[in-house]
Amino acid sequence: MMNAALLRCMLKTNAQTIFSYAIGMVFYLWMLLWVYPSIASSSALNTVLKAMPQSMLRLFGMQAGMQQLGDYLAGEFYGLIFIIIMAVYTLPTASK
């Protein structure tokens, strides 16, 4: 029971910050979706990906290239940026 009250208080205190980060991530994802068609049709990127060693492609999870939207979002957003955003949010919130 105490944990629910603490969680509710924490959400109430940090609601504006959470909302700001959520809106920022939505705009960033929208930008990635907007740019995707030009990246998917880029022959230069596909040439670079074909020239890379298979072990390097497996390391970054790009074995199939950038032909699917899910692969592109996984590489661009969920691969690193999402982790950085969560760390930037978590550290100041935890120190309050």
C-alpha atoms as a PDB file:
ATOM      1  CA  MET A   1       0.000   0.000   0.000  1.00  0.00           C
ATOM      2  CA  MET A   2       2.834   2.389   0.828  1.00  0.00           C
ATOM      3  CA  ASN A   3       4.531   1.734  -2.512  1.00  0.00           C
ATOM      4  CA  ALA A   4       1.422   2.755  -4.470  1.00  0.00           C
ATOM      5  CA  ALA A   5       1.176   6.047  -2.572  1.00  0.00           C
ATOM      6  CA  LEU A   6       4.878   6.714  -3.106  1.00  0.00           C
ATOM      7  CA  LEU A   7       4.590   5.957  -6.817  1.00  0.00           C
ATOM      8  CA  ARG A   8       1.560   8.233  -7.159  1.00  0.00           C
ATOM      9  CA  CYS A   9       3.405  11.066  -5.388  1.00  0.00           C
ATOM     10  CA  MET A  10       6.486  10.568  -7.561  1.00  0.00           C
ATOM     11  CA  LEU A  11       4.420  10.601 -10.757  1.00  0.00           C
ATOM     12  CA  LYS A  12       2.591  13.722  -9.628  1.00  0.00           C
ATOM     13  CA  THR A  13       5.875  15.480  -8.830  1.00  0.00           C
ATOM     14  CA  ASN A  14       7.567  14.523 -12.113  1.00  0.00           C
ATOM     15  CA  ALA A  15       4.561  14.620 -14.455  1.00  0.00           C
ATOM     16  CA  GLN A  16       5.773  17.639 -16.423  1.00  0.00           C
ATOM     17  CA  THR A  17       9.250  16.167 -16.887  1.00  0.00           C
ATOM     18  CA  ILE A  18       7.848  12.810 -17.987  1.00  0.00           C
ATOM     19  CA  PHE A  19       5.500  14.543 -20.414  1.00  0.00           C
ATOM     20  CA  SER A  20       8.344  16.645 -21.849  1.00  0.00           C
ATOM     21  CA  TYR A  21      10.561  13.600 -22.436  1.00  0.00           C
ATOM     22  CA  ALA A  22       7.650  11.679 -23.987  1.00  0.00           C
ATOM     23  CA  ILE A  23       6.855  14.524 -26.399  1.00  0.00           C
ATOM     24  CA  GLY A  24      10.549  14.825 -27.310  1.00  0.00           C
ATOM     25  CA  MET A  25      10.802  11.115 -28.058  1.00  0.00           C
ATOM     26  CA  VAL A  26       7.621  11.185 -30.144  1.00  0.00           C
ATOM     27  CA  PHE A  27       9.012  14.048 -32.245  1.00  0.00           C
ATOM     28  CA  TYR A  28      12.344  12.244 -32.631  1.00  0.00           C
ATOM     29  CA  LEU A  29      10.581   9.054 -33.767  1.00  0.00           C
ATOM     30  CA  TRP A  30       8.451  11.101 -36.155  1.00  0.00           C
ATOM     31  CA  MET A  31      11.623  12.584 -37.622  1.00  0.00           C
ATOM     32  CA  LEU A  32      13.124   9.108 -38.046  1.00  0.00           C
ATOM     33  CA  LEU A  33       9.960   7.916 -39.786  1.00  0.00           C
ATOM     34  CA  TRP A  34      10.011  10.971 -42.051  1.00  0.00           C
ATOM     35  CA  VAL A  35      13.651  10.379 -43.059  1.00  0.00           C
ATOM     36  CA  TYR A  36      13.342   6.590 -43.507  1.00  0.00           C
ATOM     37  CA  PRO A  37      12.159   6.516 -47.162  1.00  0.00           C
ATOM     38  CA  SER A  38      15.217   8.431 -48.350  1.00  0.00           C
ATOM     39  CA  ILE A  39      17.547   6.180 -46.357  1.00  0.00           C
ATOM     40  CA  ALA A  40      15.882   2.956 -47.507  1.00  0.00           C
ATOM     41  CA  SER A  41      16.278   3.913 -51.160  1.00  0.00           C
ATOM     42  CA  SER A  42      19.898   5.025 -50.755  1.00  0.00           C
ATOM     43  CA  SER A  43      22.146   2.838 -52.848  1.00  0.00           C
ATOM     44  CA  ALA A  44      25.255   4.284 -51.180  1.00  0.00           C
ATOM     45  CA  LEU A  45      24.192   3.056 -47.734  1.00  0.00           C
ATOM     46  CA  ASN A  46      23.391  -0.400 -49.071  1.00  0.00           C
ATOM     47  CA  THR A  47      26.812  -0.510 -50.775  1.00  0.00           C
ATOM     48  CA  VAL A  48      28.549   0.398 -47.515  1.00  0.00           C
ATOM     49  CA  LEU A  49      26.576  -2.230 -45.609  1.00  0.00           C
ATOM     50  CA  LYS A  50      27.468  -4.906 -48.176  1.00  0.00           C
ATOM     51  CA  ALA A  51      31.161  -3.999 -47.890  1.00  0.00           C
ATOM     52  CA  MET A  52      31.200  -4.438 -44.098  1.00  0.00           C
ATOM     53  CA  PRO A  53      32.239  -7.772 -42.580  1.00  0.00           C
ATOM     54  CA  GLN A  54      29.395 -10.025 -41.406  1.00  0.00           C
ATOM     55  CA  SER A  55      30.695  -9.973 -37.827  1.00  0.00           C
ATOM     56  CA  MET A  56      30.419  -6.174 -37.764  1.00  0.00           C
ATOM     57  CA  LEU A  57      26.883  -6.295 -39.150  1.00  0.00           C
ATOM     58  CA  ARG A  58      25.883  -8.873 -36.522  1.00  0.00           C
ATOM     59  CA  LEU A  59      27.393  -6.702 -33.805  1.00  0.00           C
ATOM     60  CA  PHE A  60      25.126  -3.788 -34.754  1.00  0.00           C
ATOM     61  CA  GLY A  61      22.158  -6.006 -35.714  1.00  0.00           C
ATOM     62  CA  MET A  62      22.136  -4.962 -39.357  1.00  0.00           C
ATOM     63  CA  GLN A  63      22.388  -8.327 -41.113  1.00  0.00           C
ATOM     64  CA  ALA A  64      19.338  -7.568 -43.280  1.00  0.00           C
ATOM     65  CA  GLY A  65      20.404  -3.997 -44.025  1.00  0.00           C
ATOM     66  CA  MET A  66      18.002  -1.067 -43.786  1.00  0.00           C
ATOM     67  CA  GLN A  67      15.235  -2.496 -45.941  1.00  0.00           C
ATOM     68  CA  GLN A  68      12.629  -2.742 -43.163  1.00  0.00           C
ATOM     69  CA  LEU A  69      11.333   0.063 -40.980  1.00  0.00           C
ATOM     70  CA  GLY A  70      11.665  -2.027 -37.820  1.00  0.00           C
ATOM     71  CA  ASP A  71      15.360  -2.641 -38.482  1.00  0.00           C
ATOM     72  CA  TYR A  72      15.936   1.042 -39.083  1.00  0.00           C
ATOM     73  CA  LEU A  73      14.154   2.109 -35.883  1.00  0.00           C
ATOM     74  CA  ALA A  74      15.920  -0.574 -33.873  1.00  0.00           C
ATOM     75  CA  GLY A  75      19.276   0.644 -35.087  1.00  0.00           C
ATOM     76  CA  GLU A  76      18.650   4.353 -34.796  1.00  0.00           C
ATOM     77  CA  PHE A  77      16.333   4.810 -31.835  1.00  0.00           C
ATOM     78  CA  TYR A  78      16.247   1.739 -29.634  1.00  0.00           C
ATOM     79  CA  GLY A  79      19.893   0.892 -30.149  1.00  0.00           C
ATOM     80  CA  LEU A  80      21.427   3.868 -28.373  1.00  0.00           C
ATOM     81  CA  ILE A  81      19.344   7.034 -28.251  1.00  0.00           C
ATOM     82  CA  PHE A  82      16.578   5.477 -26.135  1.00  0.00           C
ATOM     83  CA  ILE A  83      19.133   4.303 -23.567  1.00  0.00           C
ATOM     84  CA  ILE A  84      20.762   7.736 -23.425  1.00  0.00           C
ATOM     85  CA  ILE A  85      17.405   9.498 -23.031  1.00  0.00           C
ATOM     86  CA  MET A  86      16.386   7.162 -20.213  1.00  0.00           C
ATOM     87  CA  ALA A  87      19.711   7.676 -18.449  1.00  0.00           C
ATOM     88  CA  VAL A  88      19.441  11.455 -18.767  1.00  0.00           C
ATOM     89  CA  TYR A  89      15.929  11.266 -17.295  1.00  0.00           C
ATOM     90  CA  THR A  90      16.687   8.732 -14.560  1.00  0.00           C
ATOM     91  CA  LEU A  91      19.772  10.319 -13.044  1.00  0.00           C
ATOM     92  CA  PRO A  92      18.282  13.763 -12.250  1.00  0.00           C
ATOM     93  CA  THR A  93      14.980  12.220 -11.144  1.00  0.00           C
ATOM     94  CA  ALA A  94      16.711   9.818  -8.763  1.00  0.00           C
ATOM     95  CA  SER A  95      18.807  12.602  -7.241  1.00  0.00           C
ATOM     96  CA  LYS A  96      15.808  14.816  -6.415  1.00  0.00           C
END
